[in-house]
Amino acid sequence: MVILEEKARREKFWVEAIEDVLELLPDEDRKLVELKYFQQLSTNSAVAMQLNMSDSSFYRRKDEVVWRFANRFGLV
């Protein structure tokens, strides 16, 4: 039972961390996350096109978003 409680605690941490970051993201960044990671569009270029941005802008925004998640997760 202790193992299940520990696993549930860890899972709750990750869910809350994701929700925290998503709440703080600007709308365009939140949409990027939704398209890239939840709707899993086929390519980064497809996500960039959907967001009406260049590939280089997409990669820059994605890197910033990933850094925010990593920071909240305590990885950086």
PDB file of N, CA and C in Angstrom:
ATOM      1  N   MET A   1       0.823  -1.194   0.000  1.00  0.00           N
ATOM      2  CA  MET A   1       0.000   0.000   0.000  1.00  0.00           C
ATOM      3  C   MET A   1       0.866   1.258   0.000  1.00  0.00           C
ATOM      4  N   VAL A   2       1.980   1.222   0.685  1.00  0.00           N
ATOM      5  CA  VAL A   2       2.879   2.367   0.755  1.00  0.00           C
ATOM      6  C   VAL A   2       3.431   2.689  -0.632  1.00  0.00           C
ATOM      7  N   ILE A   3       3.733   1.677  -1.414  1.00  0.00           N
ATOM      8  CA  ILE A   3       4.264   1.882  -2.765  1.00  0.00           C
ATOM      9  C   ILE A   3       3.228   2.592  -3.632  1.00  0.00           C
ATOM     10  N   LEU A   4       1.975   2.185  -3.532  1.00  0.00           N
ATOM     11  CA  LEU A   4       0.915   2.836  -4.307  1.00  0.00           C
ATOM     12  C   LEU A   4       0.726   4.285  -3.880  1.00  0.00           C
ATOM     13  N   GLU A   5       0.813   4.551  -2.591  1.00  0.00           N
ATOM     14  CA  GLU A   5       0.667   5.922  -2.098  1.00  0.00           C
ATOM     15  C   GLU A   5       1.812   6.796  -2.607  1.00  0.00           C
ATOM     16  N   GLU A   6       3.014   6.268  -2.617  1.00  0.00           N
ATOM     17  CA  GLU A   6       4.168   7.017  -3.121  1.00  0.00           C
ATOM     18  C   GLU A   6       4.004   7.284  -4.620  1.00  0.00           C
ATOM     19  N   LYS A   7       3.564   6.290  -5.359  1.00  0.00           N
ATOM     20  CA  LYS A   7       3.352   6.472  -6.794  1.00  0.00           C
ATOM     21  C   LYS A   7       2.275   7.522  -7.040  1.00  0.00           C
ATOM     22  N   ALA A   8       1.196   7.490  -6.286  1.00  0.00           N
ATOM     23  CA  ALA A   8       0.122   8.473  -6.430  1.00  0.00           C
ATOM     24  C   ALA A   8       0.629   9.878  -6.101  1.00  0.00           C
ATOM     25  N   ARG A   9       1.484  10.009  -5.101  1.00  0.00           N
ATOM     26  CA  ARG A   9       2.051  11.304  -4.732  1.00  0.00           C
ATOM     27  C   ARG A   9       2.909  11.858  -5.856  1.00  0.00           C
ATOM     28  N   ARG A  10       3.735  10.993  -6.450  1.00  0.00           N
ATOM     29  CA  ARG A  10       4.594  11.419  -7.568  1.00  0.00           C
ATOM     30  C   ARG A  10       3.754  11.837  -8.772  1.00  0.00           C
ATOM     31  N   GLU A  11       2.741  11.043  -9.088  1.00  0.00           N
ATOM     32  CA  GLU A  11       1.877  11.367 -10.220  1.00  0.00           C
ATOM     33  C   GLU A  11       1.167  12.701  -9.985  1.00  0.00           C
ATOM     34  N   LYS A  12       0.717  12.936  -8.773  1.00  0.00           N
ATOM     35  CA  LYS A  12       0.052  14.193  -8.441  1.00  0.00           C
ATOM     36  C   LYS A  12       1.021  15.365  -8.633  1.00  0.00           C
ATOM     37  N   PHE A  13       2.275  15.206  -8.245  1.00  0.00           N
ATOM     38  CA  PHE A  13       3.283  16.252  -8.435  1.00  0.00           C
ATOM     39  C   PHE A  13       3.395  16.621  -9.905  1.00  0.00           C
ATOM     40  N   TRP A  14       3.517  15.610 -10.785  1.00  0.00           N
ATOM     41  CA  TRP A  14       3.690  15.874 -12.213  1.00  0.00           C
ATOM     42  C   TRP A  14       2.468  16.556 -12.814  1.00  0.00           C
ATOM     43  N   VAL A  15       1.283  16.089 -12.455  1.00  0.00           N
ATOM     44  CA  VAL A  15       0.053  16.687 -12.985  1.00  0.00           C
ATOM     45  C   VAL A  15      -0.052  18.139 -12.536  1.00  0.00           C
ATOM     46  N   GLU A  16       0.198  18.407 -11.260  1.00  0.00           N
ATOM     47  CA  GLU A  16       0.118  19.781 -10.760  1.00  0.00           C
ATOM     48  C   GLU A  16       1.176  20.666 -11.401  1.00  0.00           C
ATOM     49  N   ALA A  17       2.367  20.141 -11.613  1.00  0.00           N
ATOM     50  CA  ALA A  17       3.436  20.913 -12.242  1.00  0.00           C
ATOM     51  C   ALA A  17       3.051  21.288 -13.667  1.00  0.00           C
ATOM     52  N   ILE A  18       2.506  20.351 -14.407  1.00  0.00           N
ATOM     53  CA  ILE A  18       2.072  20.632 -15.781  1.00  0.00           C
ATOM     54  C   ILE A  18       0.961  21.679 -15.778  1.00  0.00           C
ATOM     55  N   GLU A  19      -0.017  21.508 -14.910  1.00  0.00           N
ATOM     56  CA  GLU A  19      -1.113  22.476 -14.832  1.00  0.00           C
ATOM     57  C   GLU A  19      -0.594  23.868 -14.467  1.00  0.00           C
ATOM     58  N   ASP A  20       0.365  23.943 -13.531  1.00  0.00           N
ATOM     59  CA  ASP A  20       0.949  25.230 -13.127  1.00  0.00           C
ATOM     60  C   ASP A  20       1.567  25.946 -14.318  1.00  0.00           C
ATOM     61  N   VAL A  21       2.368  25.237 -15.091  1.00  0.00           N
ATOM     62  CA  VAL A  21       3.042  25.850 -16.233  1.00  0.00           C
ATOM     63  C   VAL A  21       2.021  26.262 -17.287  1.00  0.00           C
ATOM     64  N   LEU A  22       1.084  25.391 -17.593  1.00  0.00           N
ATOM     65  CA  LEU A  22       0.083  25.722 -18.610  1.00  0.00           C
ATOM     66  C   LEU A  22      -0.711  26.973 -18.242  1.00  0.00           C
ATOM     67  N   GLU A  23      -1.019  27.145 -16.964  1.00  0.00           N
ATOM     68  CA  GLU A  23      -1.748  28.329 -16.511  1.00  0.00           C
ATOM     69  C   GLU A  23      -0.968  29.614 -16.763  1.00  0.00           C
ATOM     70  N   LEU A  24       0.350  29.545 -16.647  1.00  0.00           N
ATOM     71  CA  LEU A  24       1.188  30.733 -16.764  1.00  0.00           C
ATOM     72  C   LEU A  24       1.590  31.064 -18.196  1.00  0.00           C
ATOM     73  N   LEU A  25       1.435  30.117 -19.098  1.00  0.00           N
ATOM     74  CA  LEU A  25       1.868  30.341 -20.473  1.00  0.00           C
ATOM     75  C   LEU A  25       0.943  31.318 -21.194  1.00  0.00           C
ATOM     76  N   PRO A  26       1.525  32.161 -22.050  1.00  0.00           N
ATOM     77  CA  PRO A  26       0.679  32.973 -22.926  1.00  0.00           C
ATOM     78  C   PRO A  26      -0.129  32.052 -23.850  1.00  0.00           C
ATOM     79  N   ASP A  27      -1.229  32.562 -24.369  1.00  0.00           N
ATOM     80  CA  ASP A  27      -2.126  31.748 -25.199  1.00  0.00           C
ATOM     81  C   ASP A  27      -1.403  31.060 -26.351  1.00  0.00           C
ATOM     82  N   GLU A  28      -0.519  31.779 -27.043  1.00  0.00           N
ATOM     83  CA  GLU A  28       0.171  31.189 -28.200  1.00  0.00           C
ATOM     84  C   GLU A  28       1.073  30.025 -27.771  1.00  0.00           C
ATOM     85  N   ASP A  29       1.735  30.162 -26.633  1.00  0.00           N
ATOM     86  CA  ASP A  29       2.587  29.077 -26.144  1.00  0.00           C
ATOM     87  C   ASP A  29       1.756  27.890 -25.690  1.00  0.00           C
ATOM     88  N   ARG A  30       0.616  28.162 -25.063  1.00  0.00           N
ATOM     89  CA  ARG A  30      -0.272  27.077 -24.636  1.00  0.00           C
ATOM     90  C   ARG A  30      -0.779  26.311 -25.862  1.00  0.00           C
ATOM     91  N   LYS A  31      -1.113  27.058 -26.914  1.00  0.00           N
ATOM     92  CA  LYS A  31      -1.576  26.417 -28.153  1.00  0.00           C
ATOM     93  C   LYS A  31      -0.461  25.561 -28.757  1.00  0.00           C
ATOM     94  N   LEU A  32       0.777  26.048 -28.702  1.00  0.00           N
ATOM     95  CA  LEU A  32       1.927  25.277 -29.189  1.00  0.00           C
ATOM     96  C   LEU A  32       2.014  23.943 -28.448  1.00  0.00           C
ATOM     97  N   VAL A  33       1.878  23.986 -27.132  1.00  0.00           N
ATOM     98  CA  VAL A  33       1.935  22.754 -26.327  1.00  0.00           C
ATOM     99  C   VAL A  33       0.799  21.816 -26.716  1.00  0.00           C
ATOM    100  N   GLU A  34      -0.388  22.367 -26.836  1.00  0.00           N
ATOM    101  CA  GLU A  34      -1.536  21.535 -27.206  1.00  0.00           C
ATOM    102  C   GLU A  34      -1.318  20.847 -28.551  1.00  0.00           C
ATOM    103  N   LEU A  35      -0.883  21.606 -29.536  1.00  0.00           N
ATOM    104  CA  LEU A  35      -0.697  21.032 -30.870  1.00  0.00           C
ATOM    105  C   LEU A  35       0.445  20.024 -30.906  1.00  0.00           C
ATOM    106  N   LYS A  36       1.546  20.368 -30.287  1.00  0.00           N
ATOM    107  CA  LYS A  36       2.749  19.532 -30.363  1.00  0.00           C
ATOM    108  C   LYS A  36       2.642  18.283 -29.494  1.00  0.00           C
ATOM    109  N   TYR A  37       2.157  18.434 -28.273  1.00  0.00           N
ATOM    110  CA  TYR A  37       2.244  17.330 -27.323  1.00  0.00           C
ATOM    111  C   TYR A  37       0.919  16.644 -27.013  1.00  0.00           C
ATOM    112  N   PHE A  38      -0.204  17.331 -27.162  1.00  0.00           N
ATOM    113  CA  PHE A  38      -1.485  16.697 -26.867  1.00  0.00           C
ATOM    114  C   PHE A  38      -2.179  16.222 -28.141  1.00  0.00           C
ATOM    115  N   GLN A  39      -2.139  17.028 -29.195  1.00  0.00           N
ATOM    116  CA  GLN A  39      -2.741  16.610 -30.459  1.00  0.00           C
ATOM    117  C   GLN A  39      -1.723  15.907 -31.344  1.00  0.00           C
ATOM    118  N   GLN A  40      -0.464  16.012 -30.999  1.00  0.00           N
ATOM    119  CA  GLN A  40       0.644  15.334 -31.669  1.00  0.00           C
ATOM    120  C   GLN A  40       0.599  15.489 -33.187  1.00  0.00           C
ATOM    121  N   LEU A  41       0.608  16.749 -33.638  1.00  0.00           N
ATOM    122  CA  LEU A  41       0.715  16.980 -35.074  1.00  0.00           C
ATOM    123  C   LEU A  41       1.970  16.302 -35.586  1.00  0.00           C
ATOM    124  N   SER A  42       1.964  15.924 -36.830  1.00  0.00           N
ATOM    125  CA  SER A  42       3.005  15.052 -37.373  1.00  0.00           C
ATOM    126  C   SER A  42       4.408  15.652 -37.363  1.00  0.00           C
ATOM    127  N   THR A  43       4.528  16.942 -37.615  1.00  0.00           N
ATOM    128  CA  THR A  43       5.876  17.529 -37.664  1.00  0.00           C
ATOM    129  C   THR A  43       5.884  18.883 -36.972  1.00  0.00           C
ATOM    130  N   ASN A  44       7.086  19.322 -36.618  1.00  0.00           N
ATOM    131  CA  ASN A  44       7.235  20.651 -36.044  1.00  0.00           C
ATOM    132  C   ASN A  44       6.800  21.716 -37.041  1.00  0.00           C
ATOM    133  N   SER A  45       7.100  21.487 -38.315  1.00  0.00           N
ATOM    134  CA  SER A  45       6.691  22.437 -39.354  1.00  0.00           C
ATOM    135  C   SER A  45       5.172  22.552 -39.430  1.00  0.00           C
ATOM    136  N   ALA A  46       4.472  21.451 -39.217  1.00  0.00           N
ATOM    137  CA  ALA A  46       3.008  21.481 -39.224  1.00  0.00           C
ATOM    138  C   ALA A  46       2.477  22.327 -38.065  1.00  0.00           C
ATOM    139  N   VAL A  47       3.115  22.206 -36.909  1.00  0.00           N
ATOM    140  CA  VAL A  47       2.716  23.022 -35.759  1.00  0.00           C
ATOM    141  C   VAL A  47       2.992  24.490 -36.054  1.00  0.00           C
ATOM    142  N   ALA A  48       4.179  24.788 -36.578  1.00  0.00           N
ATOM    143  CA  ALA A  48       4.537  26.171 -36.910  1.00  0.00           C
ATOM    144  C   ALA A  48       3.538  26.749 -37.905  1.00  0.00           C
ATOM    145  N   MET A  49       3.187  25.965 -38.897  1.00  0.00           N
ATOM    146  CA  MET A  49       2.246  26.431 -39.912  1.00  0.00           C
ATOM    147  C   MET A  49       0.883  26.711 -39.281  1.00  0.00           C
ATOM    148  N   GLN A  50       0.443  25.815 -38.424  1.00  0.00           N
ATOM    149  CA  GLN A  50      -0.844  25.984 -37.741  1.00  0.00           C
ATOM    150  C   GLN A  50      -0.856  27.260 -36.904  1.00  0.00           C
ATOM    151  N   LEU A  51       0.296  27.621 -36.352  1.00  0.00           N
ATOM    152  CA  LEU A  51       0.411  28.816 -35.508  1.00  0.00           C
ATOM    153  C   LEU A  51       0.800  30.064 -36.308  1.00  0.00           C
ATOM    154  N   ASN A  52       0.921  29.903 -37.608  1.00  0.00           N
ATOM    155  CA  ASN A  52       1.310  31.018 -38.480  1.00  0.00           C
ATOM    156  C   ASN A  52       2.636  31.644 -38.068  1.00  0.00           C
ATOM    157  N   MET A  53       3.622  30.791 -37.843  1.00  0.00           N
ATOM    158  CA  MET A  53       4.951  31.287 -37.495  1.00  0.00           C
ATOM    159  C   MET A  53       5.997  30.522 -38.291  1.00  0.00           C
ATOM    160  N   SER A  54       7.165  31.123 -38.413  1.00  0.00           N
ATOM    161  CA  SER A  54       8.254  30.463 -39.123  1.00  0.00           C
ATOM    162  C   SER A  54       8.761  29.291 -38.295  1.00  0.00           C
ATOM    163  N   ASP A  55       9.478  28.392 -38.953  1.00  0.00           N
ATOM    164  CA  ASP A  55      10.067  27.260 -38.227  1.00  0.00           C
ATOM    165  C   ASP A  55      11.023  27.755 -37.151  1.00  0.00           C
ATOM    166  N   SER A  56      11.832  28.776 -37.461  1.00  0.00           N
ATOM    167  CA  SER A  56      12.797  29.265 -36.470  1.00  0.00           C
ATOM    168  C   SER A  56      12.073  29.870 -35.261  1.00  0.00           C
ATOM    169  N   SER A  57      10.974  30.586 -35.499  1.00  0.00           N
ATOM    170  CA  SER A  57      10.189  31.121 -34.376  1.00  0.00           C
ATOM    171  C   SER A  57       9.587  29.988 -33.557  1.00  0.00           C
ATOM    172  N   PHE A  58       9.109  28.957 -34.252  1.00  0.00           N
ATOM    173  CA  PHE A  58       8.553  27.799 -33.546  1.00  0.00           C
ATOM    174  C   PHE A  58       9.597  27.181 -32.620  1.00  0.00           C
ATOM    175  N   TYR A  59      10.799  26.922 -33.140  1.00  0.00           N
ATOM    176  CA  TYR A  59      11.839  26.290 -32.320  1.00  0.00           C
ATOM    177  C   TYR A  59      12.231  27.173 -31.145  1.00  0.00           C
ATOM    178  N   ARG A  60      12.297  28.465 -31.344  1.00  0.00           N
ATOM    179  CA  ARG A  60      12.641  29.378 -30.258  1.00  0.00           C
ATOM    180  C   ARG A  60      11.565  29.332 -29.174  1.00  0.00           C
ATOM    181  N   ARG A  61      10.293  29.410 -29.583  1.00  0.00           N
ATOM    182  CA  ARG A  61       9.186  29.363 -28.613  1.00  0.00           C
ATOM    183  C   ARG A  61       9.154  28.012 -27.899  1.00  0.00           C
ATOM    184  N   LYS A  62       9.329  26.929 -28.660  1.00  0.00           N
ATOM    185  CA  LYS A  62       9.305  25.591 -28.073  1.00  0.00           C
ATOM    186  C   LYS A  62      10.406  25.444 -27.033  1.00  0.00           C
ATOM    187  N   ASP A  63      11.605  25.936 -27.352  1.00  0.00           N
ATOM    188  CA  ASP A  63      12.708  25.863 -26.393  1.00  0.00           C
ATOM    189  C   ASP A  63      12.385  26.620 -25.108  1.00  0.00           C
ATOM    190  N   GLU A  64      11.757  27.786 -25.245  1.00  0.00           N
ATOM    191  CA  GLU A  64      11.370  28.560 -24.060  1.00  0.00           C
ATOM    192  C   GLU A  64      10.329  27.821 -23.225  1.00  0.00           C
ATOM    193  N   VAL A  65       9.361  27.218 -23.910  1.00  0.00           N
ATOM    194  CA  VAL A  65       8.312  26.472 -23.212  1.00  0.00           C
ATOM    195  C   VAL A  65       8.902  25.252 -22.507  1.00  0.00           C
ATOM    196  N   VAL A  66       9.751  24.510 -23.190  1.00  0.00           N
ATOM    197  CA  VAL A  66      10.371  23.323 -22.587  1.00  0.00           C
ATOM    198  C   VAL A  66      11.202  23.730 -21.372  1.00  0.00           C
ATOM    199  N   TRP A  67      11.897  24.868 -21.464  1.00  0.00           N
ATOM    200  CA  TRP A  67      12.683  25.336 -20.317  1.00  0.00           C
ATOM    201  C   TRP A  67      11.769  25.635 -19.130  1.00  0.00           C
ATOM    202  N   ARG A  68      10.608  26.237 -19.391  1.00  0.00           N
ATOM    203  CA  ARG A  68       9.668  26.529 -18.285  1.00  0.00           C
ATOM    204  C   ARG A  68       9.219  25.246 -17.592  1.00  0.00           C
ATOM    205  N   PHE A  69       8.913  24.220 -18.403  1.00  0.00           N
ATOM    206  CA  PHE A  69       8.514  22.946 -17.790  1.00  0.00           C
ATOM    207  C   PHE A  69       9.668  22.340 -17.010  1.00  0.00           C
ATOM    208  N   ALA A  70      10.854  22.323 -17.591  1.00  0.00           N
ATOM    209  CA  ALA A  70      12.023  21.743 -16.911  1.00  0.00           C
ATOM    210  C   ALA A  70      12.304  22.476 -15.606  1.00  0.00           C
ATOM    211  N   ASN A  71      12.168  23.779 -15.627  1.00  0.00           N
ATOM    212  CA  ASN A  71      12.394  24.576 -14.419  1.00  0.00           C
ATOM    213  C   ASN A  71      11.377  24.212 -13.340  1.00  0.00           C
ATOM    214  N   ARG A  72      10.111  24.111 -13.727  1.00  0.00           N
ATOM    215  CA  ARG A  72       9.057  23.766 -12.761  1.00  0.00           C
ATOM    216  C   ARG A  72       9.220  22.341 -12.243  1.00  0.00           C
ATOM    217  N   PHE A  73       9.719  21.455 -13.079  1.00  0.00           N
ATOM    218  CA  PHE A  73       9.947  20.068 -12.672  1.00  0.00           C
ATOM    219  C   PHE A  73      11.188  19.924 -11.792  1.00  0.00           C
ATOM    220  N   GLY A  74      11.980  21.001 -11.677  1.00  0.00           N
ATOM    221  CA  GLY A  74      13.188  20.953 -10.861  1.00  0.00           C
ATOM    222  C   GLY A  74      14.359  20.315 -11.578  1.00  0.00           C
ATOM    223  N   LEU A  75      14.338  20.329 -12.901  1.00  0.00           N
ATOM    224  CA  LEU A  75      15.404  19.673 -13.663  1.00  0.00           C
ATOM    225  C   LEU A  75      16.524  20.632 -14.044  1.00  0.00           C
ATOM    226  N   VAL A  76      16.284  21.937 -13.918  1.00  0.00           N
ATOM    227  CA  VAL A  76      17.328  22.933 -14.210  1.00  0.00           C
ATOM    228  C   VAL A  76      17.431  23.926 -13.079  1.00  0.00           C
TER     229      VAL A  76
END
